[in-house]
Every structure is written in C-alpha cells, then in structure tokens.
Amino acid sequence: MPECRHHEIRAPCAAAVRMSAVVHVVEPTLVSEAGHCSTVVQGLVGAGPGLNFQLWVGSGAVIPTLEATGVSINRHFRRRLRKWQGFLLYRRLLRRPGAIVVPTAGRFDLAALHYAASGLIPPNKVYLYFHHLRLSPAKTTALRRLAQAQPRVTLLGTTDYIVERLRNLGFANTQVVLPLPVAEPVEGPTAPFRHVLVAGAARPDKGFGQIVDLIEHLAAIGATLPIAVQVSGDHYDRHDPRTADDLRRLRAIRYPGLRLLSETLRRDEYAALFRGAIALQPYDREEYADKISGITLDAFTAPAPIVTLSQTWMARMAERFDAGVATPDARAETLLCALNQIAAEYARYRDNARLAGQHLRAQHTWAPVVASLTKAPG
C-alpha cells in the first residue's frame, strides 16, 4: 500500500492540550463493544487523553470499556429515527463550542451537516471519517457540490485510494488514518498455533457461506483442525436471510473442532481470541479491493497471520509483510491448503504479523487529527 503523503503534523505534548477542548463524537451505530465501530472510537479516545470527549451513541449502548475511560456518554439514537435525530443533533452541535467527529461517515452526514449549518462551517470544526466510498454519477455530482459549499470540513479516509478520490471531488483537507486497535501489541512469550479464527459479524460479503463450506469439508474428511467462529449479526444483531440459512447449516454440522461464539465479547475477550490464531478472511474481492479490514488490523496487533483472497486490501497487507497467504479462490480445499501452510510455519508468519502491526502503527496514527482537534472553535 503506498505511503500516506499528507504533511506530518506533530501531536502536542499532554501539557499543551487544552483540557477544555470539547470533541463531540457522533456514532449512531455504536451499541456494543463488538465490531469495528467500537475499535475506531476507542482508538480516537485513547489518542486524545487531554480532550473532553462527548459521545453520542445508540440509545441502548453497552460499552463498559469506553465508560471506564471517564468520557461523557449520551445514549441518544434510536435505529429507525437516527437520520432525523442526526440532523437535529448536528444543528445543535454546530452552534456549540468544540469539534464534531463522525467516526463512520457517509454522504448523508456531509449533506446533513451542510444543511444544518446554514452557512460556511469553520476550519477544525467538522471531521468525517470515510471507511469506504462508492461513487455513482449522482453521488459524484452531489459530493462535488458539497465540496464547493463546505471547503473547510476535514475528511479522513482509511486508505490512500479513498483520500485521493475525495481530493479529486474537491475536498482539500483530507488525510489517511488507519483505525488501529487501541491496545498495543502483546509483548513477552509468543503464542504457538492454537486455532483458526473467523472473527467479526457473519455476513455474505465476509464469505460466511464459504466458511460453512470449509467446516463441512473438515467434518467430511475427519480433520482435527480447531476453528472458532463468531456468529454475531450486524450492529443490531440481525442476520440477512442468506446468512441465516448458512447459520442453520453451520449449526447442523457435527465437527468436534468447531467452537461457535454467539455472545457479545468484551474487548479483552475478543483480543484474546487472536493469540495463537490464524485469522481466516475470505472476503468479497469487489467489496474489499480498496476497503480496509479491522479484523486484519486486530490480527496484526495480536499478532496473528491471516488467510484471505487475492486482489484485496488484506491480500496486499499479507503479501507486503509476508504475514499471511492470499488464495486465488475461496473453495474449501484451497482455504485448507493455505491454513495448513501457515500452521506448518506458524512462528515465522506470526512474527511477520507483529512487524506488520508495528509498521502500520508507526505510519498511521490519530496524532495529526488530535493536534487539530485542540484548535476547534470555542
């Protein structure tokens, strides 16, 4: 992956951070500690200990790790009303002191902020973080107009590809930030191979059907490879019909090495799953060609190597650091071959995953964002 080319901004020392600097973090889908959304918010909060974070999250959010940091938590959003509530909240916050950060933003957030502002949004006031960017002709036209109307908003992206597209649309204040887990890599004795891990939400774009095919194959050949599979749904614990069918198929398989994880885990419990693991990620090529995976970042932090499909962002990371294997397809036999290859040389792949995590952490941090958040309008 090409290096980020934005100008380096050094983070201020703790004594220089204005203790009164308010940062409103607006994340309607943050309802638990499961998933990538929680990782992003925890990473931002952990990077700005001198900032006064005000979190605006789902109405029933259960987020003990964030609560333990002492940040202010406003359980505000109801799922069916979240867009209307978002517009009204943006209108209020734009008129209050402090910055507004939307950790998982989309075109709606940019448009809502524009119309809620009724004028030019000042510098260092609004930060929108884009994790993927799909552009139709209509969306391209709309975003170009918004870039002309609000040239001072700051747009963040997870990859150089996203940032380049945002700049081409007319947004000048852009930079790359990788949403790395807040935890530092584990030091001390390294873990030997323990199991294959399928982490995160069960969805078609994450190859859940192919995972079930693999486990059926393992059972059919009498394999003993241990495999742990998280089977949680989306932010609201729902499964689409296709995944629900695959989940029923999975529960019917009699494979002694299978461990299903259906309960929401605490962040430390989730992180522990990666110790001694191979993270299996047969994600959709088109969806993840230039979209990052938080699971990969969690794996490299652990550290744990990965198995993924070629021609994806994860594959480029695995190949760049020799921290995993990228397969040409997601057939059960192909995935099993890659898993066996890593298990046979687990120590080497695991150590390379550690180096990958260290390199990415050094290159992509929240520091430039935190530095500008301290300058938010009072």
Protein backbone atom coordinates (compact mmCIF):
# COMPACT_ATOMS: atom_id res chain seq x y z
CA MET A 1 0.00 0.00 0.00
CA PRO A 2 1.52 3.39 -0.90
CA GLU A 3 2.57 5.61 1.95
CA CYS A 4 0.30 8.47 3.05
CA ARG A 5 1.52 11.75 1.56
CA HIS A 6 -0.12 14.27 3.81
CA HIS A 7 2.15 16.68 5.66
CA GLU A 8 3.26 15.38 9.02
CA ILE A 9 1.77 17.20 11.99
CA ARG A 10 3.33 16.52 15.34
CA ALA A 11 0.98 15.78 18.21
CA PRO A 12 1.15 18.24 21.10
CA CYS A 13 2.51 17.14 24.44
CA ALA A 14 -0.07 16.44 27.12
CA ALA A 15 0.61 19.75 28.89
CA ALA A 16 -0.15 21.67 25.70
CA VAL A 17 -3.58 20.13 25.12
CA ARG A 18 -6.38 22.42 26.20
CA MET A 19 -8.21 20.49 28.90
CA SER A 20 -11.42 22.29 27.97
CA ALA A 21 -11.29 21.31 24.27
CA VAL A 22 -14.62 19.58 23.60
CA VAL A 23 -14.93 16.84 20.97
CA HIS A 24 -18.42 15.56 20.09
CA VAL A 25 -18.14 12.03 18.67
CA VAL A 26 -21.35 11.15 16.81
CA GLU A 27 -21.79 7.41 16.16
CA PRO A 28 -25.41 6.19 15.99
CA THR A 29 -24.41 2.56 15.31
CA LEU A 30 -22.22 2.25 18.39
CA VAL A 31 -24.35 0.00 20.59
CA SER A 32 -21.82 -2.54 21.90
CA GLU A 33 -18.12 -3.32 22.01
CA ALA A 34 -18.45 -5.80 19.16
CA GLY A 35 -17.21 -4.86 15.74
CA HIS A 36 -15.00 -2.28 14.11
CA CYS A 37 -17.05 0.76 15.14
CA SER A 38 -16.06 0.35 18.79
CA THR A 39 -12.40 -0.05 17.83
CA VAL A 40 -12.43 3.24 15.93
CA VAL A 41 -13.98 5.22 18.78
CA GLN A 42 -11.72 3.64 21.40
CA GLY A 43 -8.69 4.44 19.26
CA LEU A 44 -9.65 8.10 18.96
CA VAL A 45 -10.44 8.45 22.68
CA GLY A 46 -7.19 6.72 23.62
CA ALA A 47 -5.18 9.06 21.38
CA GLY A 48 -6.56 12.25 22.98
CA PRO A 49 -6.41 11.86 26.77
CA GLY A 50 -6.49 15.64 27.31
CA LEU A 51 -9.65 16.19 25.28
CA ASN A 52 -13.17 16.42 26.65
CA PHE A 53 -14.94 13.71 24.63
CA GLN A 54 -18.73 13.73 24.45
CA LEU A 55 -20.01 10.53 22.83
CA TRP A 56 -23.41 10.42 21.09
CA VAL A 57 -24.28 6.74 20.60
CA GLY A 58 -27.17 4.26 20.29
CA SER A 59 -29.91 4.51 22.91
CA GLY A 60 -29.21 1.07 24.37
CA ALA A 61 -25.42 1.11 24.05
CA VAL A 62 -23.48 -1.25 26.34
CA ILE A 63 -19.87 -0.03 26.15
CA PRO A 64 -18.14 -0.63 29.52
CA THR A 65 -14.61 -0.15 28.18
CA LEU A 66 -15.43 3.35 26.96
CA GLU A 67 -17.35 4.11 30.15
CA ALA A 68 -14.25 3.17 32.15
CA THR A 69 -12.27 5.92 30.39
CA GLY A 70 -14.50 8.55 32.00
CA VAL A 71 -15.79 10.06 28.76
CA SER A 72 -19.31 11.51 28.69
CA ILE A 73 -21.76 9.08 27.03
CA ASN A 74 -25.07 10.27 25.61
CA ARG A 75 -27.30 7.32 24.68
CA HIS A 76 -29.21 9.24 22.07
CA PHE A 77 -30.01 7.46 18.81
CA ARG A 78 -32.92 5.15 18.04
CA ARG A 79 -32.37 2.96 15.00
CA ARG A 80 -35.44 3.97 12.98
CA LEU A 81 -35.07 7.67 13.75
CA ARG A 82 -31.30 8.01 13.60
CA LYS A 83 -31.09 10.12 10.43
CA TRP A 84 -33.64 12.66 11.62
CA GLN A 85 -32.04 12.65 15.07
CA GLY A 86 -28.65 13.08 13.42
CA PHE A 87 -29.71 16.19 11.51
CA LEU A 88 -31.19 17.79 14.64
CA LEU A 89 -28.11 16.90 16.69
CA TYR A 90 -25.76 18.33 14.06
CA ARG A 91 -27.74 21.58 14.10
CA ARG A 92 -27.30 21.81 17.89
CA LEU A 93 -23.62 20.85 17.94
CA LEU A 94 -22.65 23.24 15.15
CA ARG A 95 -23.77 26.07 17.40
CA ARG A 96 -21.86 24.78 20.44
CA PRO A 97 -18.13 25.06 21.18
CA GLY A 98 -15.88 22.21 20.15
CA ALA A 99 -15.30 19.85 17.25
CA ILE A 100 -17.63 17.27 15.71
CA VAL A 101 -16.18 13.88 14.69
CA VAL A 102 -18.21 11.27 12.81
CA PRO A 103 -16.11 8.04 13.01
CA THR A 104 -18.04 6.14 10.31
CA ALA A 105 -19.38 8.79 7.96
CA GLY A 106 -21.21 8.76 4.66
CA ARG A 107 -22.69 11.21 2.18
CA PHE A 108 -25.75 11.69 4.44
CA ASP A 109 -23.60 13.09 7.25
CA LEU A 110 -21.89 15.57 4.97
CA ALA A 111 -25.20 16.74 3.47
CA ALA A 112 -26.92 16.90 6.87
CA LEU A 113 -24.12 18.99 8.34
CA HIS A 114 -24.22 21.35 5.36
CA TYR A 115 -27.96 21.99 5.63
CA ALA A 116 -27.82 22.13 9.43
CA ALA A 117 -25.08 24.75 9.31
CA SER A 118 -26.96 27.29 7.16
CA GLY A 119 -23.63 28.77 6.20
CA LEU A 120 -19.91 28.07 5.98
CA ILE A 121 -18.58 25.58 8.53
CA PRO A 122 -15.36 26.98 10.07
CA PRO A 123 -11.98 25.18 9.98
CA ASN A 124 -11.26 22.46 12.59
CA LYS A 125 -14.97 22.14 13.37
CA VAL A 126 -16.09 19.01 11.48
CA TYR A 127 -14.22 15.74 10.83
CA LEU A 128 -15.83 12.99 8.75
CA TYR A 129 -14.14 9.57 8.58
CA PHE A 130 -14.88 7.54 5.42
CA HIS A 131 -14.17 3.80 5.55
CA HIS A 132 -15.40 3.14 2.02
CA LEU A 133 -16.53 5.28 -0.87
CA ARG A 134 -18.84 4.08 -3.63
CA LEU A 135 -19.47 6.69 -6.28
CA SER A 136 -22.34 6.67 -8.76
CA PRO A 137 -22.69 9.61 -11.18
CA ALA A 138 -25.40 11.11 -8.95
CA LYS A 139 -23.28 10.74 -5.80
CA THR A 140 -20.27 12.22 -7.56
CA THR A 141 -22.24 15.30 -8.59
CA ALA A 142 -23.71 15.71 -5.10
CA LEU A 143 -20.32 15.40 -3.39
CA ARG A 144 -18.69 17.87 -5.77
CA ARG A 145 -21.36 20.42 -4.88
CA LEU A 146 -20.87 19.78 -1.17
CA ALA A 147 -17.10 20.19 -1.56
CA GLN A 148 -17.68 23.63 -3.10
CA ALA A 149 -20.23 24.59 -0.43
CA GLN A 150 -18.17 23.38 2.56
CA PRO A 151 -14.47 23.58 1.66
CA ARG A 152 -13.25 23.74 5.27
CA VAL A 153 -14.52 20.42 6.59
CA THR A 154 -11.86 17.76 7.23
CA LEU A 155 -12.36 14.39 5.57
CA LEU A 156 -10.43 11.34 6.76
CA GLY A 157 -10.03 8.08 4.88
CA THR A 158 -8.71 4.64 5.75
CA THR A 159 -6.70 4.27 2.52
CA ASP A 160 -4.79 6.45 0.07
CA TYR A 161 -7.30 5.38 -2.59
CA ILE A 162 -10.23 6.85 -0.65
CA VAL A 163 -8.36 10.05 0.15
CA GLU A 164 -7.31 10.51 -3.48
CA ARG A 165 -10.92 10.16 -4.65
CA LEU A 166 -12.08 12.69 -2.05
CA ARG A 167 -9.44 15.16 -3.20
CA ASN A 168 -10.50 14.66 -6.81
CA LEU A 169 -14.03 15.59 -5.76
CA GLY A 170 -12.74 18.90 -4.43
CA PHE A 171 -12.14 18.24 -0.73
CA ALA A 172 -8.75 19.76 0.06
CA ASN A 173 -8.50 18.95 3.80
CA THR A 174 -8.01 15.18 3.69
CA GLN A 175 -5.66 12.66 5.25
CA VAL A 176 -5.25 8.93 5.87
CA VAL A 177 -5.79 7.39 9.30
CA LEU A 178 -5.74 3.63 9.88
CA PRO A 179 -8.19 2.69 12.66
CA LEU A 180 -5.77 0.50 14.58
CA PRO A 181 -6.89 -1.12 17.85
CA VAL A 182 -6.19 0.91 20.96
CA ALA A 183 -4.24 -1.96 22.55
CA GLU A 184 -0.52 -2.15 21.96
CA PRO A 185 0.95 -5.40 20.57
CA VAL A 186 1.38 -8.03 23.28
CA GLU A 187 4.96 -8.34 24.49
CA GLY A 188 6.55 -11.31 26.17
CA PRO A 189 6.26 -15.01 25.27
CA THR A 190 4.66 -15.59 21.89
CA ALA A 191 1.75 -17.98 21.47
CA PRO A 192 2.03 -21.17 19.40
CA PHE A 193 -0.67 -22.05 16.89
CA ARG A 194 -3.96 -22.65 18.70
CA HIS A 195 -6.87 -22.36 16.26
CA VAL A 196 -8.30 -20.87 13.10
CA LEU A 197 -10.38 -17.80 13.91
CA VAL A 198 -13.30 -16.36 11.97
CA ALA A 199 -13.87 -13.04 13.74
CA GLY A 200 -16.44 -10.30 13.31
CA ALA A 201 -20.00 -10.17 12.04
CA ALA A 202 -21.35 -13.05 9.94
CA ARG A 203 -22.17 -11.59 6.52
CA PRO A 204 -22.15 -12.71 2.87
CA ASP A 205 -19.51 -10.11 1.89
CA LYS A 206 -17.23 -11.62 4.55
CA GLY A 207 -17.50 -15.06 2.99
CA PHE A 208 -19.63 -16.64 5.70
CA GLY A 209 -21.08 -19.17 3.26
CA GLN A 210 -17.57 -20.23 2.23
CA ILE A 211 -16.65 -20.60 5.91
CA VAL A 212 -19.54 -23.03 6.36
CA ASP A 213 -18.44 -24.92 3.24
CA LEU A 214 -14.96 -25.25 4.75
CA ILE A 215 -16.29 -26.64 8.03
CA GLU A 216 -18.49 -29.13 6.16
CA HIS A 217 -15.35 -30.22 4.30
CA LEU A 218 -13.37 -30.56 7.54
CA ALA A 219 -16.09 -32.76 9.01
CA ALA A 220 -16.30 -34.86 5.84
CA ILE A 221 -12.56 -35.66 5.76
CA GLY A 222 -12.31 -36.27 9.51
CA ALA A 223 -9.97 -33.33 10.12
CA THR A 224 -8.95 -32.15 13.58
CA LEU A 225 -8.16 -28.51 12.82
CA PRO A 226 -9.62 -26.34 15.62
CA ILE A 227 -11.77 -23.45 14.36
CA ALA A 228 -13.61 -20.75 16.31
CA VAL A 229 -16.34 -18.80 14.52
CA GLN A 230 -18.08 -15.64 15.68
CA VAL A 231 -21.71 -15.73 14.52
CA SER A 232 -22.90 -12.32 15.65
CA GLY A 233 -25.04 -10.18 13.34
CA ASP A 234 -24.83 -6.53 12.36
CA HIS A 235 -24.81 -3.53 14.75
CA TYR A 236 -28.31 -4.52 15.85
CA ASP A 237 -27.58 -8.28 15.98
CA ARG A 238 -29.55 -9.07 12.83
CA HIS A 239 -28.71 -11.56 10.06
CA ASP A 240 -29.73 -11.25 6.43
CA PRO A 241 -31.76 -14.22 5.03
CA ARG A 242 -28.77 -15.74 3.22
CA THR A 243 -26.60 -15.68 6.34
CA ALA A 244 -29.47 -17.03 8.46
CA ASP A 245 -29.66 -20.04 6.12
CA ASP A 246 -25.89 -20.55 6.30
CA LEU A 247 -26.03 -20.29 10.08
CA ARG A 248 -28.67 -23.04 10.25
CA ARG A 249 -26.45 -25.15 8.01
CA LEU A 250 -23.47 -24.49 10.27
CA ARG A 251 -25.31 -25.46 13.45
CA ALA A 252 -26.25 -28.80 11.85
CA ILE A 253 -22.61 -29.76 11.22
CA ARG A 254 -21.10 -32.24 13.67
CA TYR A 255 -17.46 -31.22 13.77
CA PRO A 256 -15.62 -31.73 17.11
CA GLY A 257 -13.10 -28.98 16.38
CA LEU A 258 -15.78 -26.29 15.94
CA ARG A 259 -16.44 -23.61 18.55
CA LEU A 260 -19.27 -21.17 17.90
CA LEU A 261 -19.12 -17.76 19.57
CA SER A 262 -22.58 -16.22 19.67
CA GLU A 263 -22.30 -13.95 22.71
CA THR A 264 -21.01 -10.37 22.55
CA LEU A 265 -17.49 -10.36 23.95
CA ARG A 266 -15.70 -7.73 25.98
CA ARG A 267 -12.83 -6.09 24.15
CA ASP A 268 -10.21 -8.02 26.13
CA GLU A 269 -12.00 -11.33 25.50
CA TYR A 270 -12.19 -10.55 21.80
CA ALA A 271 -8.49 -9.62 21.63
CA ALA A 272 -7.56 -12.87 23.40
CA LEU A 273 -9.11 -14.87 20.56
CA PHE A 274 -6.29 -13.74 18.24
CA ARG A 275 -3.48 -15.11 20.40
CA GLY A 276 -2.21 -18.21 18.61
CA ALA A 277 -4.76 -17.80 15.82
CA ILE A 278 -4.83 -17.74 12.05
CA ALA A 279 -7.44 -15.15 11.06
CA LEU A 280 -9.48 -16.51 8.15
CA GLN A 281 -10.93 -13.78 5.90
CA PRO A 282 -12.34 -15.00 2.55
CA TYR A 283 -13.89 -11.57 1.94
CA ASP A 284 -15.54 -10.43 -1.28
CA ARG A 285 -12.96 -9.16 -3.79
CA GLU A 286 -15.03 -6.33 -5.20
CA GLU A 287 -16.13 -5.04 -1.80
CA TYR A 288 -12.66 -5.20 -0.25
CA ALA A 289 -10.45 -4.28 -3.19
CA ASP A 290 -9.71 -0.91 -1.53
CA LYS A 291 -11.57 -1.22 1.75
CA ILE A 292 -9.63 -1.97 4.92
CA SER A 293 -10.50 -4.74 7.35
CA GLY A 294 -10.49 -4.05 11.06
CA ILE A 295 -10.08 -7.79 11.62
CA THR A 296 -6.74 -7.68 9.80
CA LEU A 297 -5.60 -4.80 11.99
CA ASP A 298 -6.74 -6.70 15.10
CA ALA A 299 -4.84 -9.76 13.87
CA PHE A 300 -1.59 -7.90 13.25
CA THR A 301 -1.87 -6.27 16.68
CA ALA A 302 -2.26 -9.67 18.44
CA PRO A 303 -0.10 -10.75 16.48
CA ALA A 304 -1.71 -13.35 14.20
CA PRO A 305 -1.27 -14.10 10.50
CA ILE A 306 -4.18 -14.10 8.03
CA VAL A 307 -5.62 -16.10 5.14
CA THR A 308 -7.59 -14.04 2.64
CA LEU A 309 -8.47 -13.77 -1.04
CA SER A 310 -6.07 -12.28 -3.56
CA GLN A 311 -6.68 -8.83 -5.06
CA THR A 312 -7.98 -7.36 -1.80
CA TRP A 313 -6.56 -4.80 0.63
CA MET A 314 -5.93 -7.63 3.10
CA ALA A 315 -4.03 -9.60 0.46
CA ARG A 316 -1.76 -6.62 -0.21
CA MET A 317 -1.00 -6.38 3.50
CA ALA A 318 -0.32 -10.12 3.78
CA GLU A 319 2.00 -10.06 0.76
CA ARG A 320 3.74 -6.82 1.72
CA PHE A 321 4.80 -8.16 5.12
CA ASP A 322 4.70 -11.93 4.38
CA ALA A 323 2.19 -12.07 7.23
CA GLY A 324 -0.27 -14.48 5.66
CA VAL A 325 -1.44 -16.19 2.48
CA ALA A 326 -3.69 -14.80 -0.28
CA THR A 327 -5.62 -17.51 -2.12
CA PRO A 328 -6.92 -17.43 -5.71
CA ASP A 329 -10.39 -18.63 -4.67
CA ALA A 330 -12.48 -19.47 -1.61
CA ARG A 331 -13.05 -23.18 -2.24
CA ALA A 332 -12.77 -25.28 0.90
CA GLU A 333 -9.76 -27.22 -0.41
CA THR A 334 -7.92 -24.01 -1.32
CA LEU A 335 -8.53 -22.38 2.06
CA LEU A 336 -7.49 -25.53 3.93
CA CYS A 337 -4.25 -25.71 1.96
CA ALA A 338 -3.41 -22.12 2.93
CA LEU A 339 -4.28 -22.72 6.58
CA ASN A 340 -2.06 -25.80 6.69
CA GLN A 341 0.77 -23.83 5.07
CA ILE A 342 0.68 -21.19 7.80
CA ALA A 343 0.20 -23.70 10.63
CA ALA A 344 3.34 -25.54 9.48
CA GLU A 345 5.41 -22.32 9.76
CA TYR A 346 3.33 -20.51 12.34
CA ALA A 347 6.17 -18.84 14.24
CA ARG A 348 7.52 -17.15 11.09
CA TYR A 349 4.15 -15.87 9.91
CA ARG A 350 3.20 -14.74 13.43
CA ASP A 351 6.44 -12.78 13.84
CA ASN A 352 5.91 -11.14 10.45
CA ALA A 353 2.39 -10.19 11.54
CA ARG A 354 3.91 -8.49 14.58
CA LEU A 355 6.26 -6.48 12.35
CA ALA A 356 3.30 -5.53 10.14
CA GLY A 357 1.39 -4.22 13.13
CA GLN A 358 4.36 -2.23 14.39
CA HIS A 359 4.97 -0.67 10.98
CA LEU A 360 1.36 0.31 10.39
CA ARG A 361 1.05 1.73 13.90
CA ALA A 362 4.10 3.92 13.35
CA GLN A 363 2.94 5.16 9.95
CA HIS A 364 -0.77 5.79 10.57
CA THR A 365 -1.84 7.34 13.87
CA TRP A 366 -4.53 9.65 15.20
CA ALA A 367 -1.87 12.20 16.19
CA PRO A 368 -2.46 14.68 13.31
CA VAL A 369 -6.21 14.63 13.98
CA VAL A 370 -5.79 15.12 17.72
CA ALA A 371 -3.46 18.07 17.05
CA SER A 372 -6.13 19.85 15.00
CA LEU A 373 -8.98 18.92 17.37
CA THR A 374 -7.35 21.08 20.02
CA LYS A 375 -7.87 24.06 17.69
CA ALA A 376 -11.64 23.59 17.36
CA PRO A 377 -13.68 26.82 17.55
CA GLY A 378 -14.59 27.78 21.10
